Amino acid sequence: VYRTPVLIFPPWINRFYILDLNPEKSFIRWAVERGLTVFVVSWRSADA
């Protein structure tokens, strides 16, 4: 894998999986298959 990892910050207005909808559309899966170490932040939906 590439030495420098990728860290994805999705918008907290929506869920992070817009970048991982399904195997065919997934940016995250595609990046992993390219040899990138991928991290993503999944934000917490706000409460009181």
All heavy atoms as atom14 arrays in JSON, in Angstrom:
{
  "sequence": "VYRTPVLIFPPWINRFYILDLNPEKSFIRWAVERGLTVFVVSWRSADA",
  "atom14_mask": [
    [1, 1, 1, 1, 1, 1, 1, 0, 0, 0, 0, 0, 0, 0],
    [1, 1, 1, 1, 1, 1, 1, 1, 1, 1, 1, 1, 0, 0],
    [1, 1, 1, 1, 1, 1, 1, 1, 1, 1, 1, 0, 0, 0],
    [1, 1, 1, 1, 1, 1, 1, 0, 0, 0, 0, 0, 0, 0],
    [1, 1, 1, 1, 1, 1, 1, 0, 0, 0, 0, 0, 0, 0],
    [1, 1, 1, 1, 1, 1, 1, 0, 0, 0, 0, 0, 0, 0],
    [1, 1, 1, 1, 1, 1, 1, 1, 0, 0, 0, 0, 0, 0],
    [1, 1, 1, 1, 1, 1, 1, 1, 0, 0, 0, 0, 0, 0],
    [1, 1, 1, 1, 1, 1, 1, 1, 1, 1, 1, 0, 0, 0],
    [1, 1, 1, 1, 1, 1, 1, 0, 0, 0, 0, 0, 0, 0],
    [1, 1, 1, 1, 1, 1, 1, 0, 0, 0, 0, 0, 0, 0],
    [1, 1, 1, 1, 1, 1, 1, 1, 1, 1, 1, 1, 1, 1],
    [1, 1, 1, 1, 1, 1, 1, 1, 0, 0, 0, 0, 0, 0],
    [1, 1, 1, 1, 1, 1, 1, 1, 0, 0, 0, 0, 0, 0],
    [1, 1, 1, 1, 1, 1, 1, 1, 1, 1, 1, 0, 0, 0],
    [1, 1, 1, 1, 1, 1, 1, 1, 1, 1, 1, 0, 0, 0],
    [1, 1, 1, 1, 1, 1, 1, 1, 1, 1, 1, 1, 0, 0],
    [1, 1, 1, 1, 1, 1, 1, 1, 0, 0, 0, 0, 0, 0],
    [1, 1, 1, 1, 1, 1, 1, 1, 0, 0, 0, 0, 0, 0],
    [1, 1, 1, 1, 1, 1, 1, 1, 0, 0, 0, 0, 0, 0],
    [1, 1, 1, 1, 1, 1, 1, 1, 0, 0, 0, 0, 0, 0],
    [1, 1, 1, 1, 1, 1, 1, 1, 0, 0, 0, 0, 0, 0],
    [1, 1, 1, 1, 1, 1, 1, 0, 0, 0, 0, 0, 0, 0],
    [1, 1, 1, 1, 1, 1, 1, 1, 1, 0, 0, 0, 0, 0],
    [1, 1, 1, 1, 1, 1, 1, 1, 1, 0, 0, 0, 0, 0],
    [1, 1, 1, 1, 1, 1, 0, 0, 0, 0, 0, 0, 0, 0],
    [1, 1, 1, 1, 1, 1, 1, 1, 1, 1, 1, 0, 0, 0],
    [1, 1, 1, 1, 1, 1, 1, 1, 0, 0, 0, 0, 0, 0],
    [1, 1, 1, 1, 1, 1, 1, 1, 1, 1, 1, 0, 0, 0],
    [1, 1, 1, 1, 1, 1, 1, 1, 1, 1, 1, 1, 1, 1],
    [1, 1, 1, 1, 1, 0, 0, 0, 0, 0, 0, 0, 0, 0],
    [1, 1, 1, 1, 1, 1, 1, 0, 0, 0, 0, 0, 0, 0],
    [1, 1, 1, 1, 1, 1, 1, 1, 1, 0, 0, 0, 0, 0],
    [1, 1, 1, 1, 1, 1, 1, 1, 1, 1, 1, 0, 0, 0],
    [1, 1, 1, 1, 0, 0, 0, 0, 0, 0, 0, 0, 0, 0],
    [1, 1, 1, 1, 1, 1, 1, 1, 0, 0, 0, 0, 0, 0],
    [1, 1, 1, 1, 1, 1, 1, 0, 0, 0, 0, 0, 0, 0],
    [1, 1, 1, 1, 1, 1, 1, 0, 0, 0, 0, 0, 0, 0],
    [1, 1, 1, 1, 1, 1, 1, 1, 1, 1, 1, 0, 0, 0],
    [1, 1, 1, 1, 1, 1, 1, 0, 0, 0, 0, 0, 0, 0],
    [1, 1, 1, 1, 1, 1, 1, 0, 0, 0, 0, 0, 0, 0],
    [1, 1, 1, 1, 1, 1, 0, 0, 0, 0, 0, 0, 0, 0],
    [1, 1, 1, 1, 1, 1, 1, 1, 1, 1, 1, 1, 1, 1],
    [1, 1, 1, 1, 1, 1, 1, 1, 1, 1, 1, 0, 0, 0],
    [1, 1, 1, 1, 1, 1, 0, 0, 0, 0, 0, 0, 0, 0],
    [1, 1, 1, 1, 1, 0, 0, 0, 0, 0, 0, 0, 0, 0],
    [1, 1, 1, 1, 1, 1, 1, 1, 0, 0, 0, 0, 0, 0],
    [1, 1, 1, 1, 1, 0, 0, 0, 0, 0, 0, 0, 0, 0]
  ],
  "atom14_positions": [
    [[0.85, -1.19, 0.0], [0.0, 0.0, 0.0], [0.89, 1.24, 0.0], [2.06, 1.19, 0.39], [-0.92, 0.04, 1.24], [-1.97, -1.06, 1.17], [-0.12, -0.05, 2.52], [0.0, 0.0, 0.0], [0.0, 0.0, 0.0], [0.0, 0.0, 0.0], [0.0, 0.0, 0.0], [0.0, 0.0, 0.0], [0.0, 0.0, 0.0], [0.0, 0.0, 0.0]],
    [[0.34, 2.33, -0.45], [1.08, 3.59, -0.41], [1.39, 3.97, 1.03], [0.57, 3.78, 1.93], [0.27, 4.7, -1.08], [0.3, 4.68, -2.58], [-0.67, 3.99, -3.3], [1.3, 5.34, -3.29], [-0.65, 3.95, -4.69], [1.33, 5.31, -4.67], [0.36, 4.62, -5.36], [0.39, 4.59, -6.73], [0.0, 0.0, 0.0], [0.0, 0.0, 0.0]],
    [[2.59, 4.52, 1.21], [3.02, 4.89, 2.56], [2.11, 5.93, 3.19], [1.73, 5.81, 4.37], [4.46, 5.44, 2.5], [4.96, 5.98, 3.83], [6.4, 6.44, 3.7], [6.56, 7.48, 2.68], [7.74, 7.94, 2.27], [8.86, 7.45, 2.79], [7.81, 8.89, 1.35], [0.0, 0.0, 0.0], [0.0, 0.0, 0.0], [0.0, 0.0, 0.0]],
    [[1.73, 6.94, 2.43], [0.89, 8.01, 2.98], [-0.57, 7.61, 2.89], [-1.08, 7.36, 1.8], [1.11, 9.33, 2.23], [2.51, 9.65, 2.25], [0.31, 10.45, 2.87], [0.0, 0.0, 0.0], [0.0, 0.0, 0.0], [0.0, 0.0, 0.0], [0.0, 0.0, 0.0], [0.0, 0.0, 0.0], [0.0, 0.0, 0.0], [0.0, 0.0, 0.0]],
    [[-1.29, 7.53, 4.03], [-2.69, 7.11, 4.02], [-3.63, 8.24, 3.59], [-3.25, 9.41, 3.57], [-2.95, 6.73, 5.47], [-2.03, 7.64, 6.24], [-0.8, 7.79, 5.38], [0.0, 0.0, 0.0], [0.0, 0.0, 0.0], [0.0, 0.0, 0.0], [0.0, 0.0, 0.0], [0.0, 0.0, 0.0], [0.0, 0.0, 0.0], [0.0, 0.0, 0.0]],
    [[-4.84, 7.86, 3.23], [-5.89, 8.81, 2.87], [-6.9, 8.88, 4.0], [-7.39, 7.84, 4.48], [-6.59, 8.39, 1.56], [-7.82, 9.25, 1.29], [-5.62, 8.48, 0.39], [0.0, 0.0, 0.0], [0.0, 0.0, 0.0], [0.0, 0.0, 0.0], [0.0, 0.0, 0.0], [0.0, 0.0, 0.0], [0.0, 0.0, 0.0], [0.0, 0.0, 0.0]],
    [[-7.23, 10.09, 4.42], [-8.21, 10.31, 5.48], [-9.34, 11.17, 4.92], [-9.11, 12.31, 4.51], [-7.55, 11.0, 6.68], [-8.46, 11.43, 7.84], [-9.27, 10.26, 8.39], [-7.63, 12.09, 8.95], [0.0, 0.0, 0.0], [0.0, 0.0, 0.0], [0.0, 0.0, 0.0], [0.0, 0.0, 0.0], [0.0, 0.0, 0.0], [0.0, 0.0, 0.0]],
    [[-10.55, 10.61, 4.89], [-11.69, 11.28, 4.27], [-12.6, 11.9, 5.33], [-13.0, 11.22, 6.28], [-12.51, 10.29, 3.42], [-11.63, 9.63, 2.35], [-13.71, 10.98, 2.78], [-12.32, 8.51, 1.6], [0.0, 0.0, 0.0], [0.0, 0.0, 0.0], [0.0, 0.0, 0.0], [0.0, 0.0, 0.0], [0.0, 0.0, 0.0], [0.0, 0.0, 0.0]],
    [[-12.91, 13.17, 5.13], [-13.87, 13.88, 5.98], [-15.13, 14.15, 5.17], [-15.16, 15.07, 4.35], [-13.29, 15.2, 6.48], [-12.07, 15.04, 7.35], [-10.83, 15.47, 6.88], [-12.15, 14.47, 8.6], [-9.69, 15.34, 7.67], [-11.02, 14.32, 9.4], [-9.79, 14.76, 8.93], [0.0, 0.0, 0.0], [0.0, 0.0, 0.0], [0.0, 0.0, 0.0]],
    [[-16.18, 13.35, 5.35], [-17.43, 13.62, 4.64], [-18.22, 14.71, 5.36], [-17.93, 15.04, 6.51], [-18.16, 12.27, 4.74], [-17.67, 11.69, 6.02], [-16.25, 12.17, 6.19], [0.0, 0.0, 0.0], [0.0, 0.0, 0.0], [0.0, 0.0, 0.0], [0.0, 0.0, 0.0], [0.0, 0.0, 0.0], [0.0, 0.0, 0.0], [0.0, 0.0, 0.0]],
    [[-19.2, 15.29, 4.72], [-20.03, 16.3, 5.4], [-20.89, 15.66, 6.48], [-21.39, 14.54, 6.32], [-20.89, 16.87, 4.27], [-20.94, 15.79, 3.24], [-19.63, 15.08, 3.32], [0.0, 0.0, 0.0], [0.0, 0.0, 0.0], [0.0, 0.0, 0.0], [0.0, 0.0, 0.0], [0.0, 0.0, 0.0], [0.0, 0.0, 0.0], [0.0, 0.0, 0.0]],
    [[-21.05, 16.34, 7.61], [-21.89, 15.8, 8.68], [-23.36, 16.15, 8.46], [-24.22, 15.8, 9.27], [-21.42, 16.29, 10.04], [-21.09, 17.75, 10.07], [-21.93, 18.79, 10.3], [-19.79, 18.32, 9.88], [-21.25, 19.98, 10.25], [-19.94, 19.73, 10.0], [-18.52, 17.79, 9.62], [-18.85, 20.59, 9.86], [-17.47, 18.67, 9.49], [-17.63, 20.05, 9.61]],
    [[-23.67, 16.81, 7.35], [-25.06, 17.07, 7.01], [-25.7, 15.79, 6.46], [-26.92, 15.64, 6.5], [-25.14, 18.22, 5.98], [-24.71, 19.53, 6.66], [-26.52, 18.37, 5.39], [-24.62, 20.71, 5.72], [0.0, 0.0, 0.0], [0.0, 0.0, 0.0], [0.0, 0.0, 0.0], [0.0, 0.0, 0.0], [0.0, 0.0, 0.0], [0.0, 0.0, 0.0]],
    [[-24.89, 14.86, 5.95], [-25.38, 13.57, 5.46], [-24.46, 12.46, 5.95], [-23.42, 12.71, 6.53], [-25.44, 13.55, 3.93], [-26.45, 14.51, 3.36], [-26.11, 15.6, 2.93], [-27.72, 14.12, 3.35], [0.0, 0.0, 0.0], [0.0, 0.0, 0.0], [0.0, 0.0, 0.0], [0.0, 0.0, 0.0], [0.0, 0.0, 0.0], [0.0, 0.0, 0.0]],
    [[-24.85, 11.22, 5.68], [-24.05, 10.07, 6.11], [-22.84, 9.88, 5.18], [-22.9, 10.2, 4.0], [-24.91, 8.81, 6.07], [-26.24, 8.94, 6.78], [-26.12, 8.92, 8.28], [-27.41, 9.09, 8.93], [-27.62, 8.98, 10.23], [-26.61, 8.69, 11.04], [-28.82, 9.17, 10.75], [0.0, 0.0, 0.0], [0.0, 0.0, 0.0], [0.0, 0.0, 0.0]],
    [[-21.78, 9.3, 5.74], [-20.52, 9.18, 5.0], [-20.62, 8.23, 3.81], [-19.81, 8.32, 2.87], [-19.4, 8.69, 5.93], [-19.38, 7.2, 6.17], [-18.71, 6.35, 5.3], [-20.05, 6.63, 7.25], [-18.69, 4.98, 5.51], [-20.05, 5.27, 7.46], [-19.36, 4.43, 6.59], [0.0, 0.0, 0.0], [0.0, 0.0, 0.0], [0.0, 0.0, 0.0]],
    [[-21.61, 7.33, 3.79], [-21.58, 6.26, 2.79], [-21.98, 6.71, 1.39], [-22.12, 5.88, 0.49], [-22.41, 5.06, 3.25], [-23.9, 5.29, 3.43], [-24.78, 5.19, 2.35], [-24.42, 5.58, 4.69], [-26.14, 5.38, 2.52], [-25.78, 5.77, 4.86], [-26.63, 5.67, 3.78], [-27.99, 5.85, 3.94], [0.0, 0.0, 0.0], [0.0, 0.0, 0.0]],
    [[-22.14, 8.01, 1.17], [-22.25, 8.49, -0.2], [-21.01, 8.07, -0.98], [-21.05, 7.87, -2.2], [-22.43, 10.03, -0.25], [-22.66, 10.49, -1.69], [-21.23, 10.73, 0.37], [-23.85, 9.9, -2.38], [0.0, 0.0, 0.0], [0.0, 0.0, 0.0], [0.0, 0.0, 0.0], [0.0, 0.0, 0.0], [0.0, 0.0, 0.0], [0.0, 0.0, 0.0]],
    [[-19.89, 7.89, -0.29], [-18.65, 7.46, -0.92], [-18.47, 5.94, -0.84], [-17.4, 5.43, -1.2], [-17.46, 8.17, -0.27], [-17.45, 9.69, -0.44], [-16.3, 10.32, 0.35], [-17.37, 10.08, -1.91], [0.0, 0.0, 0.0], [0.0, 0.0, 0.0], [0.0, 0.0, 0.0], [0.0, 0.0, 0.0], [0.0, 0.0, 0.0], [0.0, 0.0, 0.0]],
    [[-19.51, 5.23, -0.4], [-19.46, 3.77, -0.33], [-20.86, 3.2, -0.51], [-21.32, 2.36, 0.27], [-18.87, 3.32, 1.02], [-18.54, 1.83, 1.07], [-18.27, 1.24, 0.0], [-18.56, 1.25, 2.18], [0.0, 0.0, 0.0], [0.0, 0.0, 0.0], [0.0, 0.0, 0.0], [0.0, 0.0, 0.0], [0.0, 0.0, 0.0], [0.0, 0.0, 0.0]],
    [[-21.55, 3.66, -1.58], [-22.93, 3.25, -1.79], [-23.04, 1.75, -2.06], [-23.79, 1.04, -1.39], [-23.54, 4.03, -2.96], [-24.01, 5.45, -2.66], [-24.46, 6.13, -3.94], [-25.14, 5.45, -1.63], [0.0, 0.0, 0.0], [0.0, 0.0, 0.0], [0.0, 0.0, 0.0], [0.0, 0.0, 0.0], [0.0, 0.0, 0.0], [0.0, 0.0, 0.0]],
    [[-22.33, 1.27, -3.04], [-22.28, -0.15, -3.35], [-20.94, -0.43, -4.01], [-20.19, 0.51, -4.34], [-23.47, -0.58, -4.23], [-23.49, 0.14, -5.57], [-22.47, 0.22, -6.25], [-24.65, 0.64, -5.96], [0.0, 0.0, 0.0], [0.0, 0.0, 0.0], [0.0, 0.0, 0.0], [0.0, 0.0, 0.0], [0.0, 0.0, 0.0], [0.0, 0.0, 0.0]],
    [[-20.58, -1.7, -4.2], [-19.24, -2.0, -4.74], [-18.95, -1.32, -6.07], [-17.79, -0.96, -6.35], [-19.26, -3.52, -4.88], [-20.21, -3.98, -3.82], [-21.29, -2.93, -3.76], [0.0, 0.0, 0.0], [0.0, 0.0, 0.0], [0.0, 0.0, 0.0], [0.0, 0.0, 0.0], [0.0, 0.0, 0.0], [0.0, 0.0, 0.0], [0.0, 0.0, 0.0]],
    [[-19.96, -1.15, -6.91], [-19.73, -0.55, -8.22], [-19.51, 0.96, -8.14], [-18.8, 1.54, -8.95], [-20.9, -0.85, -9.16], [-21.02, -2.3, -9.57], [-21.52, -3.2, -8.45], [-22.32, -2.7, -7.62], [-21.1, -4.37, -8.39], [0.0, 0.0, 0.0], [0.0, 0.0, 0.0], [0.0, 0.0, 0.0], [0.0, 0.0, 0.0], [0.0, 0.0, 0.0]],
    [[-20.14, 1.63, -7.18], [-20.07, 3.09, -7.08], [-19.11, 3.59, -6.0], [-18.92, 4.8, -5.87], [-21.46, 3.66, -6.79], [-22.5, 3.39, -7.86], [-23.86, 3.93, -7.42], [-24.94, 3.61, -8.44], [-26.28, 4.06, -7.97], [0.0, 0.0, 0.0], [0.0, 0.0, 0.0], [0.0, 0.0, 0.0], [0.0, 0.0, 0.0], [0.0, 0.0, 0.0]],
    [[-18.55, 2.69, -5.24], [-17.8, 3.08, -4.05], [-16.44, 3.7, -4.36], [-15.55, 3.04, -4.89], [-17.61, 1.87, -3.13], [-16.79, 2.21, -2.04], [0.0, 0.0, 0.0], [0.0, 0.0, 0.0], [0.0, 0.0, 0.0], [0.0, 0.0, 0.0], [0.0, 0.0, 0.0], [0.0, 0.0, 0.0], [0.0, 0.0, 0.0], [0.0, 0.0, 0.0]],
    [[-16.3, 4.97, -4.01], [-14.99, 5.63, -4.1], [-14.02, 5.0, -3.11], [-12.83, 4.81, -3.4], [-15.14, 7.12, -3.82], [-13.85, 7.87, -3.79], [-13.25, 8.32, -4.96], [-13.21, 8.14, -2.58], [-12.05, 9.01, -4.93], [-12.01, 8.84, -2.54], [-11.42, 9.28, -3.72], [0.0, 0.0, 0.0], [0.0, 0.0, 0.0], [0.0, 0.0, 0.0]],
    [[-14.52, 4.65, -1.93], [-13.67, 4.08, -0.89], [-13.11, 2.73, -1.35], [-11.9, 2.47, -1.25], [-14.45, 3.93, 0.43], [-14.72, 5.33, 1.02], [-13.71, 3.05, 1.42], [-15.65, 5.32, 2.22], [0.0, 0.0, 0.0], [0.0, 0.0, 0.0], [0.0, 0.0, 0.0], [0.0, 0.0, 0.0], [0.0, 0.0, 0.0], [0.0, 0.0, 0.0]],
    [[-13.97, 1.84, -1.85], [-13.51, 0.53, -2.32], [-12.51, 0.69, -3.47], [-11.49, -0.01, -3.52], [-14.7, -0.32, -2.76], [-14.34, -1.73, -3.2], [-15.58, -2.49, -3.68], [-16.5, -2.76, -2.6], [-16.52, -3.91, -1.91], [-15.66, -4.87, -2.21], [-17.4, -4.08, -0.95], [0.0, 0.0, 0.0], [0.0, 0.0, 0.0], [0.0, 0.0, 0.0]],
    [[-12.81, 1.6, -4.4], [-11.92, 1.83, -5.53], [-10.54, 2.29, -5.06], [-9.51, 1.83, -5.56], [-12.55, 2.87, -6.45], [-11.73, 3.24, -7.64], [-11.69, 2.61, -8.86], [-10.81, 4.34, -7.73], [-10.81, 3.25, -9.7], [-10.25, 4.31, -9.04], [-10.4, 5.34, -6.85], [-9.32, 5.26, -9.46], [-9.47, 6.28, -7.27], [-8.94, 6.23, -8.57]],
    [[-10.52, 3.19, -4.08], [-9.24, 3.7, -3.56], [-8.46, 2.59, -2.86], [-7.23, 2.49, -3.0], [-9.49, 4.86, -2.61], [0.0, 0.0, 0.0], [0.0, 0.0, 0.0], [0.0, 0.0, 0.0], [0.0, 0.0, 0.0], [0.0, 0.0, 0.0], [0.0, 0.0, 0.0], [0.0, 0.0, 0.0], [0.0, 0.0, 0.0], [0.0, 0.0, 0.0]],
    [[-9.15, 1.74, -2.1], [-8.48, 0.62, -1.43], [-7.87, -0.31, -2.47], [-6.73, -0.77, -2.33], [-9.48, -0.14, -0.54], [-8.88, -1.45, -0.04], [-9.89, 0.73, 0.66], [0.0, 0.0, 0.0], [0.0, 0.0, 0.0], [0.0, 0.0, 0.0], [0.0, 0.0, 0.0], [0.0, 0.0, 0.0], [0.0, 0.0, 0.0], [0.0, 0.0, 0.0]],
    [[-8.62, -0.59, -3.54], [-8.12, -1.49, -4.58], [-6.95, -0.88, -5.34], [-6.18, -1.6, -5.98], [-9.26, -1.84, -5.53], [-10.32, -2.73, -4.87], [-11.53, -2.95, -5.75], [-11.64, -2.28, -6.8], [-12.38, -3.8, -5.4], [0.0, 0.0, 0.0], [0.0, 0.0, 0.0], [0.0, 0.0, 0.0], [0.0, 0.0, 0.0], [0.0, 0.0, 0.0]],
    [[-6.81, 0.45, -5.29], [-5.65, 1.11, -5.91], [-4.41, 1.06, -5.03], [-3.35, 1.55, -5.4], [-5.99, 2.59, -6.19], [-7.09, 2.8, -7.2], [-6.62, 2.69, -8.62], [-5.56, 3.64, -8.96], [-5.38, 4.14, -10.16], [-6.21, 3.81, -11.14], [-4.38, 4.97, -10.41], [0.0, 0.0, 0.0], [0.0, 0.0, 0.0], [0.0, 0.0, 0.0]],
    [[-4.54, 0.47, -3.84], [-3.4, 0.35, -2.95], [-3.27, 1.47, -1.95], [-2.19, 1.69, -1.38], [0.0, 0.0, 0.0], [0.0, 0.0, 0.0], [0.0, 0.0, 0.0], [0.0, 0.0, 0.0], [0.0, 0.0, 0.0], [0.0, 0.0, 0.0], [0.0, 0.0, 0.0], [0.0, 0.0, 0.0], [0.0, 0.0, 0.0], [0.0, 0.0, 0.0]],
    [[-4.35, 2.18, -1.69], [-4.33, 3.25, -0.69], [-4.86, 2.74, 0.65], [-5.82, 1.97, 0.68], [-5.18, 4.43, -1.16], [-4.63, 5.22, -2.35], [-5.71, 6.08, -2.99], [-3.44, 6.08, -1.91], [0.0, 0.0, 0.0], [0.0, 0.0, 0.0], [0.0, 0.0, 0.0], [0.0, 0.0, 0.0], [0.0, 0.0, 0.0], [0.0, 0.0, 0.0]],
    [[-4.21, 3.13, 1.73], [-4.74, 2.88, 3.07], [-5.78, 3.97, 3.35], [-5.42, 5.14, 3.44], [-3.63, 2.92, 4.12], [-2.64, 1.93, 3.81], [-4.19, 2.64, 5.5], [0.0, 0.0, 0.0], [0.0, 0.0, 0.0], [0.0, 0.0, 0.0], [0.0, 0.0, 0.0], [0.0, 0.0, 0.0], [0.0, 0.0, 0.0], [0.0, 0.0, 0.0]],
    [[-7.03, 3.57, 3.5], [-8.13, 4.53, 3.56], [-8.78, 4.53, 4.94], [-9.13, 3.47, 5.47], [-9.19, 4.23, 2.49], [-10.34, 5.23, 2.57], [-8.55, 4.28, 1.1], [0.0, 0.0, 0.0], [0.0, 0.0, 0.0], [0.0, 0.0, 0.0], [0.0, 0.0, 0.0], [0.0, 0.0, 0.0], [0.0, 0.0, 0.0], [0.0, 0.0, 0.0]],
    [[-8.94, 5.73, 5.48], [-9.71, 5.97, 6.69], [-10.85, 6.93, 6.35], [-10.7, 7.8, 5.48], [-8.85, 6.62, 7.78], [-7.74, 5.76, 8.32], [-6.55, 5.63, 7.63], [-7.88, 5.1, 9.53], [-5.51, 4.85, 8.12], [-6.86, 4.32, 10.04], [-5.66, 4.19, 9.33], [0.0, 0.0, 0.0], [0.0, 0.0, 0.0], [0.0, 0.0, 0.0]],
    [[-11.97, 6.78, 7.04], [-13.06, 7.74, 6.88], [-13.63, 8.07, 8.25], [-13.67, 7.21, 9.14], [-14.17, 7.2, 5.94], [-14.96, 6.06, 6.6], [-15.13, 8.3, 5.51], [0.0, 0.0, 0.0], [0.0, 0.0, 0.0], [0.0, 0.0, 0.0], [0.0, 0.0, 0.0], [0.0, 0.0, 0.0], [0.0, 0.0, 0.0], [0.0, 0.0, 0.0]],
    [[-14.03, 9.31, 8.4], [-14.68, 9.75, 9.63], [-16.19, 9.62, 9.46], [-16.75, 10.11, 8.48], [-14.3, 11.21, 9.96], [-15.25, 11.81, 10.98], [-12.86, 11.28, 10.46], [0.0, 0.0, 0.0], [0.0, 0.0, 0.0], [0.0, 0.0, 0.0], [0.0, 0.0, 0.0], [0.0, 0.0, 0.0], [0.0, 0.0, 0.0], [0.0, 0.0, 0.0]],
    [[-16.82, 8.92, 10.38], [-18.28, 8.81, 10.41], [-18.78, 9.68, 11.56], [-18.59, 9.35, 12.74], [-18.7, 7.35, 10.62], [-20.11, 7.25, 10.76], [0.0, 0.0, 0.0], [0.0, 0.0, 0.0], [0.0, 0.0, 0.0], [0.0, 0.0, 0.0], [0.0, 0.0, 0.0], [0.0, 0.0, 0.0], [0.0, 0.0, 0.0], [0.0, 0.0, 0.0]],
    [[-19.4, 10.81, 11.21], [-19.8, 11.77, 12.22], [-21.04, 11.3, 12.99], [-21.9, 10.63, 12.42], [-20.1, 13.13, 11.59], [-18.95, 13.72, 10.84], [-18.78, 13.75, 9.49], [-17.8, 14.37, 11.39], [-17.6, 14.37, 9.16], [-16.97, 14.77, 10.31], [-17.38, 14.65, 12.69], [-15.77, 15.42, 10.5], [-16.16, 15.31, 12.88], [-15.38, 15.69, 11.79]],
    [[-21.12, 11.69, 14.22], [-22.28, 11.36, 15.04], [-23.43, 12.31, 14.74], [-23.22, 13.52, 14.65], [-21.9, 11.46, 16.52], [-23.03, 11.15, 17.47], [-22.56, 11.36, 18.89], [-23.63, 11.19, 19.87], [-23.53, 11.51, 21.15], [-22.37, 12.01, 21.62], [-24.54, 11.33, 21.98], [0.0, 0.0, 0.0], [0.0, 0.0, 0.0], [0.0, 0.0, 0.0]],
    [[-24.61, 11.77, 14.56], [-25.81, 12.6, 14.39], [-26.12, 13.27, 15.72], [-26.13, 12.62, 16.77], [-26.98, 11.74, 13.93], [-28.14, 12.52, 13.74], [0.0, 0.0, 0.0], [0.0, 0.0, 0.0], [0.0, 0.0, 0.0], [0.0, 0.0, 0.0], [0.0, 0.0, 0.0], [0.0, 0.0, 0.0], [0.0, 0.0, 0.0], [0.0, 0.0, 0.0]],
    [[-26.36, 14.57, 15.69], [-26.46, 15.36, 16.92], [-27.69, 14.99, 17.75], [-28.75, 14.63, 17.22], [-26.49, 16.84, 16.59], [0.0, 0.0, 0.0], [0.0, 0.0, 0.0], [0.0, 0.0, 0.0], [0.0, 0.0, 0.0], [0.0, 0.0, 0.0], [0.0, 0.0, 0.0], [0.0, 0.0, 0.0], [0.0, 0.0, 0.0], [0.0, 0.0, 0.0]],
    [[-27.53, 15.1, 19.05], [-28.65, 15.02, 19.98], [-28.46, 16.11, 21.03], [-27.59, 16.99, 20.88], [-28.74, 13.63, 20.63], [-27.43, 13.22, 21.33], [-26.65, 14.11, 21.72], [-27.2, 12.01, 21.47], [0.0, 0.0, 0.0], [0.0, 0.0, 0.0], [0.0, 0.0, 0.0], [0.0, 0.0, 0.0], [0.0, 0.0, 0.0], [0.0, 0.0, 0.0]],
    [[-29.27, 16.09, 22.07], [-29.24, 17.18, 23.05], [-27.88, 17.29, 23.75], [-27.51, 18.38, 24.21], [-30.35, 16.97, 24.08], [0.0, 0.0, 0.0], [0.0, 0.0, 0.0], [0.0, 0.0, 0.0], [0.0, 0.0, 0.0], [0.0, 0.0, 0.0], [0.0, 0.0, 0.0], [0.0, 0.0, 0.0], [0.0, 0.0, 0.0], [0.0, 0.0, 0.0]]
  ]
}
